[in-house]
Amino acid sequence: MLAAQHGQLRMVELLLDRGASAGTTTADGRSAIFFAAGEGHSEVVRLLLDRGEEANVCDEEGQTPLMYAAMNGRLESVELLLECGASSEIKSRSGWTALMYARNANASEVVKCLEAR
């Protein structure tokens, strides 16, 4: 998860090749893809998706990697997740969608992208 959070693509790949699971989660239900998406490491997001992680996986709060990318203004990760089947219609337990998180963060390019969907 730390390697994903810091965009260490080769390290994430090595760990996955050696048996690490793309879907292993923290106590609050977040897997490596949440950290990679939130930090805008779209190459790592792509790798994790290619290795079996789900685009619409939810943490305990009902948040998705798309929401993490949106709330942090990570346009490239938002676009990639949408391309790979992430739904912009999912609502977190608080009732927020990725678009609402992007608006709250004043991430105008992400807002435009999500509104276009």
Protein backbone atom coordinates (compact mmCIF):
# COMPACT_ATOMS: atom_id res chain seq x y z
CA MET A 1 0.00 0.00 0.00
CA LEU A 2 2.86 2.37 0.75
CA ALA A 3 4.50 1.55 -2.57
CA ALA A 4 1.20 2.32 -4.34
CA GLN A 5 0.72 5.53 -2.37
CA HIS A 6 4.19 6.73 -3.37
CA GLY A 7 3.83 5.74 -7.02
CA GLN A 8 6.51 3.05 -6.89
CA LEU A 9 5.28 1.15 -9.95
CA ARG A 10 8.17 -1.32 -10.14
CA MET A 11 7.92 -2.12 -6.44
CA VAL A 12 4.16 -2.69 -6.66
CA GLU A 13 4.72 -4.93 -9.67
CA LEU A 14 7.43 -6.88 -7.85
CA LEU A 15 5.25 -7.35 -4.79
CA LEU A 16 2.34 -8.56 -6.90
CA ASP A 17 4.64 -10.91 -8.81
CA ARG A 18 5.80 -12.35 -5.48
CA GLY A 19 2.30 -13.10 -4.26
CA ALA A 20 0.93 -9.90 -2.73
CA SER A 21 -2.79 -9.46 -3.36
CA ALA A 22 -4.05 -6.32 -5.10
CA GLY A 23 -7.17 -6.50 -2.94
CA THR A 24 -5.63 -6.70 0.54
CA THR A 25 -7.24 -4.01 2.71
CA THR A 26 -6.55 -1.89 5.75
CA ALA A 27 -8.82 -2.15 8.79
CA ASP A 28 -11.14 0.46 7.22
CA GLY A 29 -11.42 -1.43 3.94
CA ARG A 30 -9.01 0.51 1.74
CA SER A 31 -6.74 -1.35 -0.65
CA ALA A 32 -3.69 -0.13 -2.55
CA ILE A 33 -5.83 1.27 -5.38
CA PHE A 34 -7.36 3.86 -3.02
CA PHE A 35 -3.93 5.19 -2.11
CA ALA A 36 -2.66 5.19 -5.70
CA ALA A 37 -5.81 6.89 -7.04
CA GLY A 38 -5.84 9.50 -4.28
CA GLU A 39 -2.23 10.44 -5.01
CA GLY A 40 -2.73 10.43 -8.77
CA HIS A 41 -0.45 7.50 -9.59
CA SER A 42 -2.45 6.31 -12.56
CA GLU A 43 0.22 3.84 -13.75
CA VAL A 44 -0.11 2.05 -10.42
CA VAL A 45 -3.91 2.23 -10.64
CA ARG A 46 -3.74 0.60 -14.09
CA LEU A 47 -1.44 -2.15 -12.82
CA LEU A 48 -3.70 -2.92 -9.87
CA LEU A 49 -6.75 -3.08 -12.12
CA ASP A 50 -4.86 -5.34 -14.54
CA ARG A 51 -3.97 -7.60 -11.59
CA GLY A 52 -7.54 -8.10 -10.45
CA GLU A 53 -8.56 -5.14 -8.30
CA GLU A 54 -12.11 -3.93 -8.90
CA ALA A 55 -12.72 -0.39 -10.15
CA ASN A 56 -15.82 -0.05 -7.95
CA VAL A 57 -14.45 -1.50 -4.72
CA CYS A 58 -15.76 0.34 -1.63
CA ASP A 59 -14.17 0.99 1.75
CA GLU A 60 -16.12 0.94 5.02
CA GLU A 61 -17.43 4.45 4.35
CA GLY A 62 -18.73 3.37 0.95
CA GLN A 63 -16.10 5.45 -0.82
CA THR A 64 -14.49 4.24 -4.03
CA PRO A 65 -11.09 4.84 -5.64
CA LEU A 66 -12.88 7.21 -8.04
CA MET A 67 -14.04 9.28 -5.07
CA TYR A 68 -10.49 9.40 -3.68
CA ALA A 69 -9.14 10.55 -7.02
CA ALA A 70 -11.94 13.11 -7.39
CA MET A 71 -11.58 14.59 -3.90
CA ASN A 72 -7.87 15.09 -4.55
CA GLY A 73 -8.27 16.55 -8.04
CA ARG A 74 -6.44 13.68 -9.76
CA LEU A 75 -7.84 14.06 -13.28
CA GLU A 76 -5.72 11.37 -14.95
CA SER A 77 -6.71 8.80 -12.33
CA VAL A 78 -10.36 9.82 -12.62
CA GLU A 79 -10.26 9.40 -16.39
CA LEU A 80 -8.53 6.02 -16.14
CA LEU A 81 -10.95 4.68 -13.54
CA LEU A 82 -13.93 5.78 -15.63
CA GLU A 83 -12.40 4.09 -18.70
CA CYS A 84 -12.03 0.90 -16.67
CA GLY A 85 -15.64 0.80 -15.56
CA ALA A 86 -15.74 2.86 -12.38
CA SER A 87 -19.23 4.22 -11.75
CA SER A 88 -19.67 7.89 -11.02
CA GLU A 89 -23.16 7.14 -9.69
CA ILE A 90 -22.10 5.24 -6.57
CA LYS A 91 -22.86 7.10 -3.35
CA SER A 92 -20.80 6.86 -0.18
CA ARG A 93 -22.52 6.21 3.15
CA SER A 94 -22.73 9.98 3.57
CA GLY A 95 -24.64 10.16 0.28
CA TRP A 96 -21.89 11.79 -1.76
CA THR A 97 -20.88 10.88 -5.31
CA ALA A 98 -17.45 11.40 -6.89
CA LEU A 99 -18.80 14.58 -8.50
CA MET A 100 -19.84 15.96 -5.13
CA TYR A 101 -16.36 15.26 -3.71
CA ALA A 102 -14.75 16.97 -6.70
CA ARG A 103 -16.99 20.03 -6.33
CA ASN A 104 -16.23 20.21 -2.61
CA ALA A 105 -12.50 20.15 -3.41
CA ASN A 106 -12.86 22.84 -6.11
CA ALA A 107 -11.29 20.41 -8.58
CA SER A 108 -12.74 22.12 -11.67
CA GLU A 109 -11.16 19.85 -14.31
CA VAL A 110 -12.38 16.74 -12.49
CA VAL A 111 -15.84 18.30 -12.13
CA LYS A 112 -15.94 18.92 -15.90
CA CYS A 113 -14.84 15.36 -16.61
CA LEU A 114 -17.44 13.83 -14.30
CA GLU A 115 -20.22 16.11 -15.54
CA ALA A 116 -19.44 15.04 -19.11
CA ARG A 117 -20.13 11.43 -18.08
